[in-house]
Amino acid sequence: MRRFVILVAAAAALVVSACNTVEGAGKDVSAVGHAVSDTAKDAKPK
């Protein structure tokens, strides 16, 4: 039983850290998208 609890705790820690990583990656991709969009607006002829 103790081994099972340790395995569940380790799995939960991995899942939580993966969620934070994916969230961070999503924010980075979003920031790049905004930068590209802003650059495109600036380069557009007036």
N, C-alpha and C. Protein backbone atom coordinates (compact mmCIF):
# COMPACT_ATOMS: atom_id res chain seq x y z
N MET A 1 0.84 -1.20 0.00
CA MET A 1 0.00 0.00 0.00
C MET A 1 0.87 1.25 0.00
N ARG A 2 1.95 1.22 0.76
CA ARG A 2 2.82 2.39 0.84
C ARG A 2 3.46 2.67 -0.53
N ARG A 3 3.86 1.62 -1.23
CA ARG A 3 4.46 1.78 -2.54
C ARG A 3 3.46 2.39 -3.51
N PHE A 4 2.20 1.98 -3.42
CA PHE A 4 1.15 2.53 -4.27
C PHE A 4 0.98 4.02 -4.02
N VAL A 5 0.97 4.44 -2.77
CA VAL A 5 0.80 5.86 -2.43
C VAL A 5 1.96 6.67 -2.98
N ILE A 6 3.17 6.14 -2.89
CA ILE A 6 4.34 6.84 -3.40
C ILE A 6 4.26 6.97 -4.92
N LEU A 7 3.84 5.91 -5.59
CA LEU A 7 3.69 5.97 -7.05
C LEU A 7 2.62 6.96 -7.48
N VAL A 8 1.52 6.99 -6.76
CA VAL A 8 0.45 7.95 -7.08
C VAL A 8 0.93 9.38 -6.87
N ALA A 9 1.66 9.61 -5.79
CA ALA A 9 2.18 10.95 -5.51
C ALA A 9 3.18 11.38 -6.60
N ALA A 10 4.03 10.47 -7.02
CA ALA A 10 5.00 10.78 -8.08
C ALA A 10 4.29 11.07 -9.40
N ALA A 11 3.29 10.27 -9.72
CA ALA A 11 2.53 10.50 -10.95
C ALA A 11 1.81 11.85 -10.91
N ALA A 12 1.24 12.18 -9.77
CA ALA A 12 0.55 13.46 -9.63
C ALA A 12 1.52 14.63 -9.80
N ALA A 13 2.71 14.49 -9.26
CA ALA A 13 3.72 15.55 -9.39
C ALA A 13 4.12 15.73 -10.85
N LEU A 14 4.26 14.63 -11.58
CA LEU A 14 4.59 14.73 -13.01
C LEU A 14 3.48 15.39 -13.81
N VAL A 15 2.25 15.04 -13.50
CA VAL A 15 1.11 15.61 -14.22
C VAL A 15 1.01 17.10 -13.97
N VAL A 16 1.18 17.51 -12.74
CA VAL A 16 1.10 18.93 -12.39
C VAL A 16 2.22 19.70 -13.06
N SER A 17 3.43 19.17 -13.06
CA SER A 17 4.54 19.89 -13.69
C SER A 17 4.35 19.96 -15.20
N ALA A 18 3.77 18.93 -15.80
CA ALA A 18 3.51 18.96 -17.24
C ALA A 18 2.48 20.03 -17.58
N CYS A 19 1.48 20.19 -16.75
CA CYS A 19 0.46 21.21 -17.00
C CYS A 19 1.08 22.60 -16.97
N ASN A 20 1.96 22.83 -16.01
CA ASN A 20 2.61 24.13 -15.93
C ASN A 20 3.49 24.36 -17.15
N THR A 21 4.15 23.34 -17.62
CA THR A 21 5.00 23.48 -18.79
C THR A 21 4.17 23.80 -20.02
N VAL A 22 3.07 23.11 -20.20
CA VAL A 22 2.20 23.36 -21.35
C VAL A 22 1.60 24.76 -21.28
N GLU A 23 1.22 25.17 -20.09
CA GLU A 23 0.67 26.52 -19.93
C GLU A 23 1.72 27.57 -20.29
N GLY A 24 2.94 27.37 -19.83
CA GLY A 24 4.02 28.30 -20.15
C GLY A 24 4.32 28.34 -21.63
N ALA A 25 4.31 27.18 -22.26
CA ALA A 25 4.55 27.12 -23.70
C ALA A 25 3.43 27.83 -24.45
N GLY A 26 2.21 27.67 -23.98
CA GLY A 26 1.08 28.36 -24.61
C GLY A 26 1.21 29.87 -24.51
N LYS A 27 1.66 30.34 -23.38
CA LYS A 27 1.86 31.79 -23.21
C LYS A 27 2.97 32.29 -24.13
N ASP A 28 4.04 31.49 -24.28
CA ASP A 28 5.13 31.89 -25.17
C ASP A 28 4.66 31.95 -26.61
N VAL A 29 3.91 30.96 -27.04
CA VAL A 29 3.40 30.95 -28.41
C VAL A 29 2.45 32.13 -28.63
N SER A 30 1.65 32.43 -27.65
CA SER A 30 0.74 33.56 -27.76
C SER A 30 1.51 34.88 -27.88
N ALA A 31 2.57 35.02 -27.10
CA ALA A 31 3.38 36.24 -27.16
C ALA A 31 4.03 36.39 -28.52
N VAL A 32 4.52 35.29 -29.09
CA VAL A 32 5.11 35.35 -30.42
C VAL A 32 4.05 35.74 -31.45
N GLY A 33 2.86 35.20 -31.31
CA GLY A 33 1.78 35.54 -32.23
C GLY A 33 1.45 37.02 -32.18
N HIS A 34 1.41 37.57 -31.00
CA HIS A 34 1.12 39.01 -30.86
C HIS A 34 2.25 39.84 -31.47
N ALA A 35 3.49 39.42 -31.28
CA ALA A 35 4.62 40.15 -31.84
C ALA A 35 4.58 40.13 -33.36
N VAL A 36 4.27 38.98 -33.95
CA VAL A 36 4.17 38.88 -35.41
C VAL A 36 3.02 39.75 -35.92
N SER A 37 1.91 39.72 -35.23
CA SER A 37 0.76 40.52 -35.64
C SER A 37 1.08 42.01 -35.58
N ASP A 38 1.74 42.43 -34.52
CA ASP A 38 2.11 43.84 -34.38
C ASP A 38 3.09 44.26 -35.48
N THR A 39 4.05 43.40 -35.78
CA THR A 39 5.03 43.70 -36.82
C THR A 39 4.34 43.81 -38.18
N ALA A 40 3.39 42.92 -38.44
CA ALA A 40 2.65 42.97 -39.70
C ALA A 40 1.85 44.27 -39.82
N LYS A 41 1.25 44.70 -38.71
CA LYS A 41 0.50 45.97 -38.74
C LYS A 41 1.43 47.14 -39.01
N ASP A 42 2.63 47.11 -38.41
CA ASP A 42 3.59 48.20 -38.62
C ASP A 42 4.12 48.22 -40.05
N ALA A 43 4.28 47.06 -40.67
CA ALA A 43 4.83 46.98 -42.02
C ALA A 43 3.79 47.26 -43.10
N LYS A 44 2.53 47.26 -42.74
CA LYS A 44 1.45 47.48 -43.70
C LYS A 44 1.53 48.91 -44.22
N PRO A 45 1.48 49.08 -45.56
CA PRO A 45 1.54 50.44 -46.12
C PRO A 45 0.31 51.25 -45.69
N LYS A 46 0.54 52.50 -45.47
CA LYS A 46 -0.54 53.37 -44.99
C LYS A 46 -1.15 54.15 -46.11
